[in-house]
Amino acid sequence: MTVEQVVDTTEKDAALNGGVPEPTEIAPGVWTLPTEFPSKGQPLRYTLTYALADASGGIHLIDPGVDTDANWRRLEQLLARLGRAVADIRTVIVTHLHFDHLGMGARVRAASGADVVLHRLEQAAIDGEFGGVDAERFDRWGVPHERREELARVTEERFAKAKITADRLVEGGTQLELGDPEAGGFRIEVIWTPGHTYGSICLRDAERKLIFTGDHVLPVLNPGLGLGGPTPSNPISDYLDALDRVGRFDDHQVCPGHGYRFYGLRARCEKLGAHHARRTAEVAGVLDRLDSPSVWDVASHLYWSLGWENLSHYLLDSALAQVEMHIDRLGRIGETERAA
């Protein structure tokens, strides 16, 4: 398969036009549950939560979405439609630590006793093992002082909204059995896909040929990288390696965390990889033209689809982080000015 094939045009239309799609059964016992962002100022309108209903009556959620009363009602309504209730939820699997994926996990667990499943590196990031100091990072990037409070809130919100201790920690290669796989249950393979965050995972159902990609592979957006705290390796390099890891499942339906479902995983992975190759070349060009620029200076000379002057909050933080990663991959971090 060489090009993207949209699974549901209604879902795509909603994603591209500011709507929120309806829940849909995408395979026997597997449903989408779009969970909405509370703020209409967000570039994303919803997270695609997935509900897996096993034959024994259990429900298993992937990425339960932002914790709001409206999303809780959406969950209850879908479960009622399936003849189930919140008490039937057995498992909550989270692809990564961001609050729009993990957010409702604690509430679901409190109401149902469900086990929350995370990659061990995400739990370490939540617990602060990889914690960083904003002031040092802003100095390193050359962030103007009037923009620092805005960016400091990003770190606070990213981690404060995601505080949880998982019941089960997994690694790449872990096989999760949800219900009895031989009698209408699910066998889910965990694939470690660092990049967006260090402990990001994709989830593969080989029998149904579904792959749940979280924010690792999205149909339209280029996912932000390095957004889970400092890592021991370059998140762009990690991400490119992880794209190769999932791109081989080209016959699977891609079930992303945002946007819409599609086929053509290999082509999408190649397009995402090509984007980062171009970006690295663009960063090199800016470094060649400027004399001892800061990361902020380099970023301000690059093309941004929303316009550099319009980047703020999460988008600005992500942009600066990724520019630094590209400079690091080029081996030219010593050429940037480190502001006092």
Protein backbone atom coordinates (compact mmCIF):
# COMPACT_ATOMS: atom_id res chain seq x y z
CA MET A 1 0.00 0.00 0.00
CA THR A 2 1.61 3.25 -1.11
CA VAL A 3 -0.92 6.02 -0.43
CA GLU A 4 -3.22 6.98 2.39
CA GLN A 5 -6.69 5.46 2.18
CA VAL A 6 -9.24 7.11 4.46
CA VAL A 7 -11.42 4.61 6.34
CA ASP A 8 -14.32 6.93 7.18
CA THR A 9 -14.82 10.17 5.20
CA THR A 10 -17.25 11.50 7.83
CA GLU A 11 -14.56 11.11 10.48
CA LYS A 12 -12.04 12.88 8.26
CA ASP A 13 -14.44 15.73 7.50
CA ALA A 14 -15.00 16.28 11.22
CA ALA A 15 -11.26 16.26 11.89
CA LEU A 16 -10.47 18.80 9.18
CA ASN A 17 -13.44 21.11 9.75
CA GLY A 18 -13.49 21.57 13.52
CA GLY A 19 -16.12 18.96 14.28
CA VAL A 20 -16.23 15.97 16.62
CA PRO A 21 -17.18 12.64 14.98
CA GLU A 22 -19.68 10.17 16.37
CA PRO A 23 -18.58 6.91 18.07
CA THR A 24 -18.08 4.18 15.47
CA GLU A 25 -17.55 0.41 15.57
CA ILE A 26 -14.36 -0.12 13.56
CA ALA A 27 -14.00 -3.89 14.05
CA PRO A 28 -16.03 -6.48 15.98
CA GLY A 29 -16.03 -5.25 19.58
CA VAL A 30 -13.82 -2.20 18.89
CA TRP A 31 -15.27 1.32 19.06
CA THR A 32 -13.98 4.84 18.68
CA LEU A 33 -15.00 7.28 21.41
CA PRO A 34 -14.01 10.85 20.50
CA THR A 35 -13.34 12.74 23.76
CA GLU A 36 -13.43 16.51 23.38
CA PHE A 37 -10.96 19.15 24.51
CA PRO A 38 -12.65 21.61 26.90
CA SER A 39 -11.00 24.65 25.29
CA LYS A 40 -12.02 25.64 21.77
CA GLY A 41 -8.72 27.51 21.44
CA GLN A 42 -6.82 24.22 21.13
CA PRO A 43 -5.46 23.28 17.68
CA LEU A 44 -6.94 19.82 18.33
CA ARG A 45 -10.65 19.35 19.00
CA TYR A 46 -10.68 15.82 20.40
CA THR A 47 -8.75 12.69 21.30
CA LEU A 48 -9.74 9.40 19.72
CA THR A 49 -10.30 7.12 22.68
CA TYR A 50 -10.89 3.46 21.83
CA ALA A 51 -13.14 1.01 23.70
CA LEU A 52 -12.55 -2.73 23.31
CA ALA A 53 -15.42 -4.97 24.43
CA ASP A 54 -14.44 -8.57 25.15
CA ALA A 55 -16.90 -11.48 24.99
CA SER A 56 -16.91 -11.98 28.77
CA GLY A 57 -18.37 -8.53 29.44
CA GLY A 58 -15.18 -6.59 30.10
CA ILE A 59 -14.33 -3.20 28.59
CA HIS A 60 -10.77 -2.07 27.90
CA LEU A 61 -9.98 1.58 27.10
CA ILE A 62 -7.07 2.97 25.12
CA ASP A 63 -6.29 6.63 25.93
CA PRO A 64 -9.35 7.74 27.94
CA GLY A 65 -8.93 11.43 27.06
CA VAL A 66 -9.26 14.71 28.95
CA ASP A 67 -10.98 14.44 32.32
CA THR A 68 -14.17 16.51 32.01
CA ASP A 69 -17.76 15.82 33.02
CA ALA A 70 -18.79 16.04 29.36
CA ASN A 71 -16.30 13.32 28.39
CA TRP A 72 -17.44 11.19 31.32
CA ARG A 73 -21.00 11.40 29.99
CA ARG A 74 -19.77 10.44 26.52
CA LEU A 75 -18.13 7.36 28.02
CA GLU A 76 -21.26 6.39 29.94
CA GLN A 77 -23.43 6.85 26.85
CA LEU A 78 -21.24 4.64 24.67
CA LEU A 79 -21.07 1.94 27.32
CA ALA A 80 -24.87 2.02 27.69
CA ARG A 81 -25.14 1.61 23.93
CA LEU A 82 -23.00 -1.54 24.26
CA GLY A 83 -25.07 -2.83 27.18
CA ARG A 84 -22.18 -2.16 29.59
CA ALA A 85 -21.35 0.30 32.35
CA VAL A 86 -18.30 2.01 33.83
CA ALA A 87 -18.08 -0.80 36.40
CA ASP A 88 -17.32 -3.19 33.51
CA ILE A 89 -14.07 -1.42 32.59
CA ARG A 90 -11.18 -3.77 33.34
CA THR A 91 -8.18 -2.04 31.77
CA VAL A 92 -7.02 1.44 30.82
CA ILE A 93 -4.01 1.41 28.48
CA VAL A 94 -2.30 4.75 27.92
CA THR A 95 -0.03 5.35 24.93
CA HIS A 96 1.79 8.26 26.61
CA LEU A 97 1.65 10.58 29.60
CA HIS A 98 -0.06 13.68 28.17
CA PHE A 99 -3.28 14.71 29.87
CA ASP A 100 -5.35 14.49 26.68
CA HIS A 101 -4.59 10.75 26.65
CA LEU A 102 -4.09 9.86 30.31
CA GLY A 103 -6.37 12.46 31.88
CA MET A 104 -9.50 10.45 32.68
CA GLY A 105 -7.53 7.34 33.70
CA ALA A 106 -7.58 8.00 37.44
CA ARG A 107 -11.31 8.75 37.41
CA VAL A 108 -12.07 5.56 35.50
CA ARG A 109 -9.95 3.51 37.89
CA ALA A 110 -11.62 5.02 40.95
CA ALA A 111 -15.07 4.18 39.58
CA SER A 112 -14.34 0.70 38.21
CA GLY A 113 -11.20 -0.72 39.80
CA ALA A 114 -9.63 -1.00 36.33
CA ASP A 115 -5.87 -1.52 35.98
CA VAL A 116 -3.98 1.41 34.42
CA VAL A 117 -1.18 0.33 32.07
CA LEU A 118 1.81 2.53 31.13
CA HIS A 119 5.29 2.03 29.72
CA ARG A 120 7.76 2.10 32.61
CA LEU A 121 9.57 5.14 31.13
CA GLU A 122 6.35 7.17 31.19
CA GLN A 123 5.88 6.35 34.85
CA ALA A 124 9.46 7.45 35.49
CA ALA A 125 8.78 10.77 33.74
CA ILE A 126 5.57 11.29 35.73
CA ASP A 127 7.46 10.53 38.94
CA GLY A 128 10.07 13.10 38.04
CA GLU A 129 13.09 10.89 37.42
CA PHE A 130 13.77 12.81 34.20
CA GLY A 131 12.67 16.18 35.53
CA GLY A 132 14.37 19.31 34.17
CA VAL A 133 14.72 22.93 35.23
CA ASP A 134 12.79 25.41 33.10
CA ALA A 135 15.04 28.38 33.86
CA GLU A 136 18.14 26.58 32.59
CA ARG A 137 16.30 25.47 29.46
CA PHE A 138 14.98 28.95 28.73
CA ASP A 139 18.46 30.38 29.18
CA ARG A 140 19.84 27.77 26.82
CA TRP A 141 17.21 28.58 24.21
CA GLY A 142 17.51 32.35 24.58
CA VAL A 143 13.82 32.81 25.40
CA PRO A 144 12.92 36.49 25.96
CA HIS A 145 12.02 37.10 29.59
CA GLU A 146 8.51 38.29 28.71
CA ARG A 147 7.69 34.86 27.20
CA ARG A 148 9.04 32.69 30.02
CA GLU A 149 6.02 32.62 32.30
CA GLU A 150 3.90 31.46 29.36
CA LEU A 151 6.27 28.57 28.63
CA ALA A 152 6.71 27.66 32.29
CA ARG A 153 2.97 26.93 32.46
CA VAL A 154 3.42 24.31 29.74
CA THR A 155 5.64 22.13 31.92
CA GLU A 156 3.36 22.59 34.92
CA GLU A 157 0.23 21.63 32.97
CA ARG A 158 1.85 18.78 31.06
CA PHE A 159 2.86 16.92 34.20
CA ALA A 160 0.43 18.19 36.86
CA LYS A 161 -2.54 16.93 34.83
CA ALA A 162 -0.96 13.53 34.36
CA LYS A 163 -0.20 12.44 37.92
CA ILE A 164 -0.95 8.75 38.30
CA THR A 165 0.72 5.58 39.47
CA ALA A 166 0.07 2.78 37.03
CA ASP A 167 -0.99 -0.68 38.16
CA ARG A 168 1.08 -2.35 35.46
CA LEU A 169 4.26 -1.17 33.75
CA VAL A 170 5.13 -2.60 30.35
CA GLU A 171 8.02 -2.74 27.90
CA GLY A 172 8.21 -3.05 24.14
CA GLY A 173 7.29 -6.62 23.25
CA THR A 174 4.88 -7.10 26.16
CA GLN A 175 1.77 -9.07 25.18
CA LEU A 176 -1.40 -7.84 26.90
CA GLU A 177 -4.28 -10.29 27.15
CA LEU A 178 -7.61 -8.50 27.56
CA GLY A 179 -10.24 -11.05 28.41
CA ASP A 180 -9.61 -14.49 26.89
CA PRO A 181 -8.02 -14.04 23.43
CA GLU A 182 -9.23 -17.54 22.50
CA ALA A 183 -12.84 -16.69 23.35
CA GLY A 184 -13.62 -13.21 22.06
CA GLY A 185 -10.91 -11.31 23.93
CA PHE A 186 -7.87 -9.42 22.67
CA ARG A 187 -4.15 -10.05 22.48
CA ILE A 188 -2.38 -6.70 22.17
CA GLU A 189 1.32 -6.29 21.39
CA VAL A 190 3.10 -3.31 22.96
CA ILE A 191 5.54 -1.56 20.60
CA TRP A 192 7.93 0.95 22.18
CA THR A 193 7.95 4.07 19.99
CA PRO A 194 9.97 6.84 21.67
CA GLY A 195 10.01 10.29 20.14
CA HIS A 196 6.83 12.17 21.04
CA THR A 197 7.66 11.16 24.60
CA TYR A 198 10.35 8.74 25.70
CA GLY A 199 7.93 6.06 26.87
CA SER A 200 5.39 6.42 24.06
CA ILE A 201 3.90 3.14 22.84
CA CYS A 202 1.83 1.86 19.94
CA LEU A 203 -0.54 -1.08 20.41
CA ARG A 204 -1.04 -3.78 17.77
CA ASP A 205 -3.95 -6.19 17.43
CA ALA A 206 -2.56 -8.66 14.91
CA GLU A 207 -5.78 -10.67 14.63
CA ARG A 208 -7.93 -7.68 13.66
CA LYS A 209 -5.05 -5.92 11.89
CA LEU A 210 -5.41 -2.74 13.94
CA ILE A 211 -2.58 -0.55 15.18
CA PHE A 212 -3.30 2.15 17.76
CA THR A 213 -0.63 4.80 17.28
CA GLY A 214 -1.39 7.42 19.95
CA ASP A 215 0.51 10.54 18.88
CA HIS A 216 3.35 8.60 17.23
CA VAL A 217 1.73 8.61 13.78
CA LEU A 218 -1.08 11.05 12.98
CA PRO A 219 -2.77 11.43 9.59
CA VAL A 220 -2.28 15.18 9.12
CA LEU A 221 -0.11 16.69 11.87
CA ASN A 222 3.61 16.19 12.34
CA PRO A 223 3.73 15.10 16.01
CA GLY A 224 5.80 17.20 18.38
CA LEU A 225 8.87 15.40 19.72
CA GLY A 226 10.63 15.32 23.06
CA LEU A 227 7.49 16.38 24.93
CA GLY A 228 7.80 14.10 27.93
CA GLY A 229 10.82 15.52 29.73
CA PRO A 230 14.57 15.24 29.10
CA THR A 231 15.80 12.00 27.50
CA PRO A 232 19.22 10.32 27.30
CA SER A 233 19.09 10.29 23.48
CA ASN A 234 17.98 12.60 20.68
CA PRO A 235 14.18 12.33 20.34
CA ILE A 236 14.31 12.91 16.58
CA SER A 237 16.69 9.99 16.09
CA ASP A 238 14.55 7.88 18.41
CA TYR A 239 11.43 8.86 16.47
CA LEU A 240 12.87 7.99 13.06
CA ASP A 241 13.94 4.57 14.34
CA ALA A 242 10.46 4.02 15.81
CA LEU A 243 8.79 4.97 12.51
CA ASP A 244 10.70 2.11 10.90
CA ARG A 245 9.51 -0.16 13.70
CA VAL A 246 5.81 0.38 12.94
CA GLY A 247 5.96 1.09 9.21
CA ARG A 248 6.14 -2.61 8.42
CA PHE A 249 2.51 -3.09 9.49
CA ASP A 250 1.26 -1.55 6.28
CA ASP A 251 -1.77 -3.83 5.99
CA HIS A 252 -3.12 -2.67 9.36
CA GLN A 253 -5.79 -0.03 9.89
CA VAL A 254 -4.11 2.92 11.61
CA CYS A 255 -6.08 4.10 14.66
CA PRO A 256 -4.42 7.37 15.75
CA GLY A 257 -4.92 9.45 18.87
CA HIS A 258 -6.18 12.45 16.87
CA GLY A 259 -7.64 13.01 13.44
CA TYR A 260 -9.05 10.03 11.56
CA ARG A 261 -8.34 6.39 10.78
CA PHE A 262 -6.55 5.41 7.60
CA TYR A 263 -4.56 2.78 5.72
CA GLY A 264 -1.11 3.41 4.27
CA LEU A 265 1.07 3.38 7.37
CA ARG A 266 4.36 2.90 5.52
CA ALA A 267 3.75 5.87 3.23
CA ARG A 268 2.77 8.07 6.16
CA CYS A 269 5.89 7.04 8.10
CA GLU A 270 8.04 7.85 5.07
CA LYS A 271 6.39 11.26 4.76
CA LEU A 272 7.00 12.02 8.45
CA GLY A 273 10.64 10.95 8.11
CA ALA A 274 11.08 13.15 5.03
CA HIS A 275 9.64 16.11 6.95
CA HIS A 276 12.34 15.81 9.59
CA ALA A 277 15.09 15.43 6.97
CA ARG A 278 13.93 18.67 5.34
CA ARG A 279 13.73 20.40 8.70
CA THR A 280 17.27 19.38 9.61
CA ALA A 281 18.47 20.82 6.29
CA GLU A 282 16.54 24.06 6.91
CA VAL A 283 18.07 24.41 10.37
CA ALA A 284 21.54 23.87 8.89
CA GLY A 285 20.87 26.63 6.39
CA VAL A 286 19.88 29.09 9.13
CA LEU A 287 22.96 28.21 11.18
CA ASP A 288 25.11 28.90 8.12
CA ARG A 289 23.57 32.37 7.70
CA LEU A 290 23.51 33.60 11.31
CA ASP A 291 26.42 34.39 13.61
CA SER A 292 26.15 32.58 16.99
CA PRO A 293 22.35 32.51 17.06
CA SER A 294 20.28 31.31 19.98
CA VAL A 295 17.77 28.50 19.51
CA TRP A 296 15.10 31.20 19.59
CA ASP A 297 16.86 33.06 16.75
CA VAL A 298 17.08 29.92 14.62
CA ALA A 299 13.42 29.07 15.21
CA SER A 300 12.32 32.60 14.30
CA HIS A 301 14.00 32.25 10.88
CA LEU A 302 12.23 29.01 9.97
CA TYR A 303 8.90 28.55 8.20
CA TRP A 304 5.98 27.62 10.48
CA SER A 305 2.58 26.78 9.04
CA LEU A 306 0.83 29.00 11.62
CA GLY A 307 3.47 31.72 11.36
CA TRP A 308 6.25 32.17 13.93
CA GLU A 309 4.51 35.19 15.44
CA ASN A 310 1.40 33.07 16.12
CA LEU A 311 3.14 30.28 18.04
CA SER A 312 2.44 30.30 21.76
CA HIS A 313 2.16 28.03 24.80
CA TYR A 314 2.41 24.31 23.81
CA LEU A 315 3.16 25.04 20.16
CA LEU A 316 5.97 27.47 20.96
CA ASP A 317 7.50 25.12 23.53
CA SER A 318 7.38 22.24 21.04
CA ALA A 319 8.88 24.37 18.26
CA LEU A 320 11.86 25.47 20.35
CA ALA A 321 12.49 21.98 21.69
CA GLN A 322 12.54 20.48 18.22
CA VAL A 323 14.80 23.15 16.75
CA GLU A 324 17.33 22.36 19.48
CA MET A 325 17.04 18.65 18.64
CA HIS A 326 17.80 19.34 14.96
CA ILE A 327 20.82 21.44 15.92
CA ASP A 328 22.01 18.62 18.18
CA ARG A 329 21.59 16.03 15.38
CA LEU A 330 23.75 18.21 13.17
CA GLY A 331 26.47 18.22 15.84
CA ARG A 332 26.36 22.04 15.86
CA ILE A 333 24.95 22.81 19.29
CA GLY A 334 28.24 24.54 20.15
CA GLU A 335 27.48 27.18 17.51
CA THR A 336 24.44 28.49 19.36
CA GLU A 337 24.70 31.34 21.80
CA ARG A 338 23.78 30.40 25.35
CA ALA A 339 22.06 33.41 26.85
CA ALA A 340 22.95 34.43 30.39
